[in-house]
Amino acid sequence: MDKNTITISHLPSPTWVRLGVNGDEIDADIFKKAAAGKTNANVADRKIISQKQADELIYSHTGEIVREKYVAGKSPIYNEQYLATGLGKDFENAIGGACPDIELYTIENGKSHSSPIILTADITDDFTVYRQIIHAKKGVCATVILLSESPKTGKGAVETRVICEEGSSIRLIKIGLWGAETEIYDDNGAYLEKDSSFVFSQLLLGGGNVHTGQYADLRGDNSRFVIGSGYFISGESKTDINYIATHRGKNTHSKIYSGGALKDNAVKVFKGTIDFRDGSANSEGDEQEDVLLLSENVINKSVPVILSEEETVDGRHGATIGNLSEDILFYLASRGIDKTSAEMLFTRGKLMTITKSIPDKSIKEKISTYILEAFEANE
């Protein structure tokens, strides 16, 4: 009997099928045995809501699904979520069947948010699904950290959706410290109203089979979205990353930066899309990736994309991919630093760019230890 497959991590504008970047097929039956997980949190104002209540909350902000025009061969079928996510509708439905309850974190105005809200999700051999909605009320400014960890093996999914009301500012930091054989699905989506800001920082360390995505809907005028992500992929690991910034409001701004290193036989697909919809006049978007290749056997696929229905916009994209230059290696060798140490030094620098901005000392120390151990294991 054929597997019950679904396609996740859609590229908004499909390209050549032979490149293998339009989406990834997975077996949906893996979610049938999944159990609902509950994050450990350092805040008390958490509420468990049903899928129906979550849909009603999201719909009260987003309204009906806004269809895009048929531009540059782009089909609208992938945008069938009221609050779209990077892995897509079919994935949302699959984990929703396994885990209908959702954790709602409502961040009210007038409360002190000087300390970050910290959530932790344990990924074990039992397939566990964690689902959260972070609802930032009007004018709120807060930071949320979500740390997921696993031993050598593990299976799990984490879905995080963010609603930024008018004038709010949210920073979401997601950190994955996963064992070498972990199978993980990390899905994200954000809805931005007028004058709001959403910063998404992501650190991907380890994992055997990793799928992650972030979709940001810049619906409100003057809204702003920023991604900064880092990764270190080694061994036989495979990682698929899908970031999408959809501009609908006027004077909206997005910036997507992803940087990391690949080693051994690692495989990575990065899809970064900036999508200017009709009505997003005077908007700007910039998307860049910086990839360091540490082995001849790695496979890297980078797909920077800009789509536009609007003429008065400014979009930029690009990717830098390669090894350290011979000049740099020669200079470092003259200072007593061999090639392997040099490559690890530069890789650590890329990851530390994300790590140093995390406003929690204990988590930063845990990440530093993890990175050092990963380097030592791969020397």
Protein backbone atom coordinates (compact mmCIF):
# COMPACT_ATOMS: atom_id res chain seq x y z
CA MET A 1 0.00 0.00 0.00
CA ASP A 2 1.25 3.45 -0.85
CA LYS A 3 2.23 5.75 1.95
CA ASN A 4 -0.04 8.61 2.93
CA THR A 5 2.32 11.32 1.68
CA ILE A 6 1.98 15.08 1.98
CA THR A 7 4.16 17.83 0.54
CA ILE A 8 5.65 20.39 2.91
CA SER A 9 7.99 23.37 2.63
CA HIS A 10 6.59 24.59 -0.69
CA LEU A 11 8.61 26.98 -2.82
CA PRO A 12 6.04 29.73 -3.62
CA SER A 13 7.14 29.89 -7.26
CA PRO A 14 7.89 26.35 -8.49
CA THR A 15 11.04 25.83 -10.52
CA TRP A 16 12.52 22.85 -12.38
CA VAL A 17 11.28 19.64 -10.74
CA ARG A 18 14.62 17.94 -11.33
CA LEU A 19 16.28 20.37 -8.89
CA GLY A 20 14.28 18.87 -6.02
CA VAL A 21 13.55 22.17 -4.25
CA ASN A 22 9.84 22.76 -4.88
CA GLY A 23 8.81 20.90 -1.76
CA ASP A 24 9.49 17.77 0.21
CA GLU A 25 7.25 14.71 0.45
CA ILE A 26 6.90 13.06 3.86
CA ASP A 27 4.85 10.21 5.25
CA ALA A 28 1.87 11.74 7.09
CA ASP A 29 1.24 8.49 8.95
CA ILE A 30 4.18 9.29 11.24
CA PHE A 31 1.91 11.77 13.04
CA LYS A 32 -0.78 9.19 13.85
CA LYS A 33 1.21 7.90 16.82
CA ALA A 34 2.24 11.37 17.96
CA ALA A 35 1.41 12.69 21.39
CA ALA A 36 0.73 16.25 22.46
CA GLY A 37 3.52 17.91 24.39
CA LYS A 38 3.41 20.84 26.80
CA THR A 39 6.31 23.27 26.89
CA ASN A 40 7.96 24.13 30.17
CA ALA A 41 7.52 27.86 30.64
CA ASN A 42 8.71 30.56 33.04
CA VAL A 43 5.37 32.39 32.83
CA ALA A 44 2.00 31.58 34.37
CA ASP A 45 -0.33 33.20 31.83
CA ARG A 46 -0.63 30.18 29.52
CA LYS A 47 -3.99 28.97 28.28
CA ILE A 48 -4.80 25.72 26.49
CA ILE A 49 -7.22 26.27 23.63
CA SER A 50 -8.82 24.01 21.03
CA GLN A 51 -8.14 24.06 17.30
CA LYS A 52 -11.52 25.75 16.80
CA GLN A 53 -10.69 28.50 19.30
CA ALA A 54 -7.30 29.00 17.66
CA ASP A 55 -8.92 29.29 14.23
CA GLU A 56 -11.41 31.85 15.56
CA LEU A 57 -8.64 33.92 17.16
CA ILE A 58 -6.55 33.92 14.00
CA TYR A 59 -9.54 34.64 11.74
CA SER A 60 -10.54 37.62 13.91
CA HIS A 61 -7.27 39.24 12.83
CA THR A 62 -6.55 37.96 9.34
CA GLY A 63 -10.08 37.66 7.91
CA GLU A 64 -10.55 35.76 4.66
CA ILE A 65 -7.55 34.35 2.86
CA VAL A 66 -6.13 36.94 0.48
CA ARG A 67 -5.38 35.34 -2.86
CA GLU A 68 -2.41 36.43 -4.90
CA LYS A 69 -2.45 37.09 -8.59
CA TYR A 70 -1.04 34.57 -11.05
CA VAL A 71 2.41 36.07 -11.59
CA ALA A 72 5.63 34.51 -12.87
CA GLY A 73 4.09 31.06 -12.99
CA LYS A 74 3.16 31.21 -9.29
CA SER A 75 0.12 29.22 -8.29
CA PRO A 76 -2.01 30.39 -5.31
CA ILE A 77 -2.84 26.91 -4.04
CA TYR A 78 -0.15 26.93 -1.36
CA ASN A 79 -1.57 29.89 0.54
CA GLU A 80 -4.60 28.18 2.07
CA GLN A 81 -3.91 29.01 5.69
CA TYR A 82 -5.43 31.91 7.60
CA LEU A 83 -2.03 32.33 9.24
CA ALA A 84 0.40 30.78 6.79
CA THR A 85 3.45 28.83 7.95
CA GLY A 86 6.70 27.81 6.32
CA LEU A 87 5.86 24.10 6.13
CA GLY A 88 2.33 24.73 4.87
CA LYS A 89 -1.30 23.72 5.17
CA ASP A 90 -0.94 19.96 4.82
CA PHE A 91 1.59 19.89 7.63
CA GLU A 92 -0.68 22.01 9.85
CA ASN A 93 -3.56 19.61 9.20
CA ALA A 94 -1.39 16.57 9.91
CA ILE A 95 -0.14 17.74 13.29
CA GLY A 96 -3.55 19.23 14.11
CA GLY A 97 -5.04 15.76 13.88
CA ALA A 98 -2.43 14.45 16.30
CA CYS A 99 -2.47 17.44 18.64
CA PRO A 100 -5.72 19.45 18.52
CA ASP A 101 -4.89 21.46 21.65
CA ILE A 102 -2.72 24.56 21.40
CA GLU A 103 -0.87 26.62 24.00
CA LEU A 104 -1.86 30.29 23.85
CA TYR A 105 0.52 32.86 25.30
CA THR A 106 -1.15 36.25 25.35
CA ILE A 107 1.25 39.12 26.00
CA GLU A 108 -0.77 41.98 27.44
CA ASN A 109 0.13 45.63 27.34
CA GLY A 110 0.85 47.32 30.64
CA LYS A 111 2.81 44.35 32.04
CA SER A 112 6.58 44.25 32.49
CA HIS A 113 8.33 42.27 29.77
CA SER A 114 11.93 43.18 30.55
CA SER A 115 12.86 39.50 30.95
CA PRO A 116 12.38 37.03 28.09
CA ILE A 117 9.60 34.47 28.13
CA ILE A 118 11.41 31.11 28.00
CA LEU A 119 9.79 27.94 26.70
CA THR A 120 11.46 24.52 26.46
CA ALA A 121 10.39 21.49 24.43
CA ASP A 122 11.92 18.05 24.97
CA ILE A 123 12.23 15.90 21.86
CA THR A 124 12.38 12.18 22.72
CA ASP A 125 12.00 8.87 20.90
CA ASP A 126 8.22 9.17 21.38
CA PHE A 127 6.95 11.47 18.63
CA THR A 128 5.84 14.61 20.46
CA VAL A 129 4.08 17.63 18.97
CA TYR A 130 4.30 21.08 20.54
CA ARG A 131 1.99 23.84 19.28
CA GLN A 132 1.94 27.46 20.44
CA ILE A 133 0.33 30.76 19.50
CA ILE A 134 2.03 33.90 20.75
CA HIS A 135 -0.45 36.78 20.72
CA ALA A 136 1.15 40.20 21.20
CA LYS A 137 -1.43 42.82 22.05
CA LYS A 138 -1.30 46.39 20.73
CA GLY A 139 1.93 48.21 21.61
CA VAL A 140 3.60 45.27 23.36
CA CYS A 141 7.38 44.77 23.24
CA ALA A 142 8.70 41.36 24.34
CA THR A 143 11.19 38.56 23.66
CA VAL A 144 10.27 34.86 23.55
CA ILE A 145 12.89 32.08 23.57
CA LEU A 146 11.96 28.52 22.63
CA LEU A 147 14.64 25.89 23.22
CA SER A 148 14.14 22.36 21.91
CA GLU A 149 16.58 19.58 22.72
CA SER A 150 16.97 15.90 22.01
CA PRO A 151 19.42 13.09 22.78
CA LYS A 152 21.11 11.25 19.90
CA THR A 153 17.75 10.09 18.57
CA GLY A 154 14.35 11.68 18.79
CA LYS A 155 11.26 12.58 16.81
CA GLY A 156 9.05 15.60 17.14
CA ALA A 157 7.39 18.69 15.75
CA VAL A 158 7.19 22.26 17.02
CA GLU A 159 4.70 24.72 15.52
CA THR A 160 4.85 28.37 16.60
CA ARG A 161 2.55 31.07 15.24
CA VAL A 162 2.76 34.74 16.15
CA ILE A 163 0.12 37.46 15.95
CA CYS A 164 1.57 40.98 16.16
CA GLU A 165 -1.12 43.56 16.76
CA GLU A 166 -0.70 47.20 15.77
CA GLY A 167 2.50 48.77 17.06
CA SER A 168 3.74 45.62 18.81
CA SER A 169 7.31 44.36 18.66
CA ILE A 170 8.14 40.70 19.18
CA ARG A 171 11.42 38.85 18.96
CA LEU A 172 11.18 35.06 18.76
CA ILE A 173 14.40 33.08 19.27
CA LYS A 174 14.20 29.39 18.41
CA ILE A 175 17.14 27.17 19.27
CA GLY A 176 17.45 23.54 18.24
CA LEU A 177 20.09 21.43 20.00
CA TRP A 178 19.42 18.02 18.50
CA GLY A 179 21.14 14.66 18.40
CA ALA A 180 22.70 13.40 15.19
CA GLU A 181 19.79 11.10 14.35
CA THR A 182 16.86 13.28 15.38
CA GLU A 183 13.92 13.79 13.01
CA ILE A 184 12.45 17.26 13.61
CA TYR A 185 9.80 19.46 12.01
CA ASP A 186 9.95 23.09 13.11
CA ASP A 187 7.15 25.20 11.61
CA ASN A 188 6.57 28.93 12.05
CA GLY A 189 4.25 31.67 10.87
CA ALA A 190 3.69 35.33 11.73
CA TYR A 191 0.96 37.87 11.01
CA LEU A 192 1.96 41.55 11.25
CA GLU A 193 -0.46 44.43 11.62
CA LYS A 194 0.20 48.14 11.10
CA ASP A 195 3.48 49.50 12.51
CA SER A 196 4.39 46.16 14.09
CA SER A 197 7.77 44.44 14.10
CA PHE A 198 8.73 40.78 14.23
CA VAL A 199 12.31 39.53 14.54
CA PHE A 200 12.91 35.81 14.13
CA SER A 201 16.27 34.38 15.23
CA GLN A 202 16.97 30.70 14.67
CA LEU A 203 19.90 28.48 15.52
CA LEU A 204 19.96 24.97 14.02
CA LEU A 205 22.52 22.65 15.57
CA GLY A 206 22.50 18.94 14.86
CA GLY A 207 19.58 16.82 13.79
CA GLY A 208 19.55 13.99 11.28
CA ASN A 209 16.50 15.02 9.24
CA VAL A 210 15.39 18.61 9.79
CA HIS A 211 12.57 20.56 8.15
CA THR A 212 12.01 24.15 9.19
CA GLY A 213 10.23 27.18 7.77
CA GLN A 214 9.03 30.68 8.60
CA TYR A 215 6.28 32.53 6.73
CA ALA A 216 5.69 36.19 7.58
CA ASP A 217 2.58 37.99 6.35
CA LEU A 218 3.35 41.73 6.39
CA ARG A 219 -0.28 42.76 6.14
CA GLY A 220 -0.12 46.11 7.90
CA ASP A 221 1.43 49.28 6.54
CA ASN A 222 4.92 50.07 7.90
CA SER A 223 5.34 46.58 9.35
CA ARG A 224 8.84 45.10 9.62
CA PHE A 225 10.17 41.53 9.53
CA VAL A 226 13.74 40.32 10.12
CA ILE A 227 15.25 36.83 10.07
CA GLY A 228 18.71 35.99 11.34
CA SER A 229 19.57 32.29 11.34
CA GLY A 230 22.65 30.13 11.72
CA TYR A 231 23.35 26.43 11.23
CA PHE A 232 26.05 23.80 11.47
CA ILE A 233 25.17 20.61 9.57
CA SER A 234 27.51 17.64 9.61
CA GLY A 235 27.65 13.86 9.26
CA GLU A 236 24.83 12.41 7.16
CA SER A 237 22.34 15.10 8.20
CA LYS A 238 19.77 16.63 5.86
CA THR A 239 18.23 20.04 6.49
CA ASP A 240 15.52 21.87 4.53
CA ILE A 241 14.93 25.57 5.29
CA ASN A 242 12.05 27.60 3.82
CA TYR A 243 11.77 31.32 4.66
CA ILE A 244 9.06 33.49 3.06
CA ALA A 245 8.34 37.19 3.51
CA THR A 246 5.05 38.25 1.91
CA HIS A 247 4.57 42.01 1.62
CA ARG A 248 0.96 43.20 1.43
CA GLY A 249 1.03 46.52 3.28
CA LYS A 250 2.61 49.74 2.07
CA ASN A 251 6.10 50.75 3.23
CA THR A 252 6.82 47.30 4.63
CA HIS A 253 10.35 46.05 5.18
CA SER A 254 11.88 42.58 5.34
CA LYS A 255 15.39 41.27 5.76
CA ILE A 256 16.37 37.60 5.63
CA TYR A 257 19.89 36.50 6.52
CA SER A 258 21.01 32.92 6.92
CA GLY A 259 24.56 31.71 7.38
CA GLY A 260 26.26 28.50 8.36
CA ALA A 261 28.54 25.64 7.50
CA LEU A 262 28.24 22.18 5.98
CA LYS A 263 30.64 19.32 6.75
CA ASP A 264 31.14 15.64 5.89
CA ASN A 265 28.21 14.35 3.78
CA ALA A 266 25.66 16.92 4.92
CA VAL A 267 22.83 18.03 2.62
CA LYS A 268 21.10 21.40 2.90
CA VAL A 269 18.36 23.14 0.90
CA PHE A 270 17.74 26.82 1.60
CA LYS A 271 14.77 28.62 0.06
CA GLY A 272 14.44 32.34 0.72
CA THR A 273 11.52 34.17 -0.91
CA ILE A 274 10.53 37.83 -0.86
CA ASP A 275 7.06 38.24 -2.33
CA PHE A 276 5.74 41.74 -3.10
CA ARG A 277 1.96 41.58 -3.53
CA ASP A 278 -0.27 44.09 -5.28
CA GLY A 279 -0.67 47.12 -3.01
CA SER A 280 2.70 46.86 -1.25
CA ALA A 281 3.99 50.10 -2.77
CA ASN A 282 7.29 51.55 -1.49
CA SER A 283 8.23 48.33 0.28
CA GLU A 284 11.75 46.92 0.58
CA GLY A 285 13.14 43.42 0.95
CA ASP A 286 16.65 41.98 1.21
CA GLU A 287 17.59 38.29 1.35
CA GLN A 288 21.12 36.92 1.67
CA GLU A 289 22.75 33.59 2.49
CA ASP A 290 26.38 32.89 3.37
CA VAL A 291 27.46 29.24 3.19
CA LEU A 292 30.82 27.79 4.20
CA LEU A 293 31.61 24.39 2.65
CA LEU A 294 33.96 22.29 4.77
CA SER A 295 33.98 19.15 2.64
CA GLU A 296 33.92 18.19 -1.03
CA ASN A 297 31.11 15.72 -0.36
CA VAL A 298 28.49 18.15 0.95
CA ILE A 299 25.44 19.07 -1.14
CA ASN A 300 24.19 22.64 -0.94
CA LYS A 301 21.16 24.05 -2.76
CA SER A 302 20.40 27.75 -2.33
CA VAL A 303 17.29 29.21 -3.94
CA PRO A 304 16.97 33.00 -3.48
CA VAL A 305 13.69 34.23 -5.02
CA ILE A 306 12.00 37.59 -5.53
CA LEU A 307 8.39 37.77 -6.78
CA SER A 308 6.49 40.97 -7.48
CA GLU A 309 3.03 42.14 -8.43
CA GLU A 310 3.94 45.71 -7.46
CA GLU A 311 6.26 47.98 -9.44
CA THR A 312 7.35 50.56 -6.86
CA VAL A 313 9.34 48.20 -4.62
CA ASP A 314 13.00 47.50 -3.92
CA GLY A 315 14.05 43.85 -3.68
CA ARG A 316 17.55 42.39 -3.39
CA HIS A 317 18.78 38.83 -3.00
CA GLY A 318 21.93 36.77 -3.27
CA ALA A 319 24.05 33.95 -1.93
CA THR A 320 27.74 33.54 -1.14
CA ILE A 321 28.92 29.94 -1.23
CA GLY A 322 32.42 28.51 -1.01
CA ASN A 323 35.45 27.43 0.94
CA LEU A 324 37.88 29.63 2.78
CA SER A 325 40.25 31.21 0.27
CA GLU A 326 43.83 30.01 -0.03
CA ASP A 327 45.05 33.48 0.95
CA ILE A 328 43.14 33.34 4.24
CA LEU A 329 44.34 29.81 4.98
CA PHE A 330 47.94 30.76 4.17
CA TYR A 331 47.76 33.78 6.48
CA LEU A 332 46.29 31.75 9.33
CA ALA A 333 48.83 28.96 8.78
CA SER A 334 51.59 31.55 9.19
CA ARG A 335 50.07 32.26 12.60
CA GLY A 336 50.10 28.58 13.58
CA ILE A 337 46.43 27.83 12.76
CA ASP A 338 45.94 24.76 10.57
CA LYS A 339 43.15 24.38 7.99
CA THR A 340 40.77 22.39 10.21
CA SER A 341 41.14 24.83 13.10
CA ALA A 342 40.63 27.75 10.72
CA GLU A 343 37.43 26.29 9.29
CA MET A 344 36.08 25.63 12.77
CA LEU A 345 37.03 29.14 13.84
CA PHE A 346 35.05 30.72 11.00
CA THR A 347 32.10 28.39 11.54
CA ARG A 348 31.96 29.27 15.20
CA GLY A 349 31.99 32.94 14.24
CA LYS A 350 28.92 32.52 12.06
CA LEU A 351 27.02 30.77 14.83
CA MET A 352 28.15 33.15 17.55
CA THR A 353 26.60 36.03 15.59
CA ILE A 354 23.22 34.58 16.58
CA THR A 355 24.29 33.29 19.99
CA LYS A 356 25.68 36.53 21.36
CA SER A 357 22.33 38.29 20.94
CA ILE A 358 20.43 35.79 23.12
CA PRO A 359 19.41 37.58 26.35
CA ASP A 360 19.83 34.58 28.67
CA LYS A 361 23.22 33.62 30.10
CA SER A 362 22.44 29.97 30.90
CA ILE A 363 21.11 29.26 27.41
CA LYS A 364 24.13 30.97 25.83
CA GLU A 365 26.44 28.77 27.88
CA LYS A 366 24.51 25.67 26.86
CA ILE A 367 24.81 26.62 23.19
CA SER A 368 28.53 27.34 23.51
CA THR A 369 29.12 23.96 25.12
CA TYR A 370 27.10 22.23 22.41
CA ILE A 371 29.04 23.99 19.64
CA LEU A 372 32.41 23.14 21.17
CA GLU A 373 31.43 19.47 21.58
CA ALA A 374 30.19 19.36 17.98
CA PHE A 375 33.49 20.76 16.75
CA GLU A 376 35.50 18.30 18.82
CA ALA A 377 33.40 15.39 17.54
CA ASN A 378 34.09 16.42 13.94
CA GLU A 379 37.81 17.14 14.19
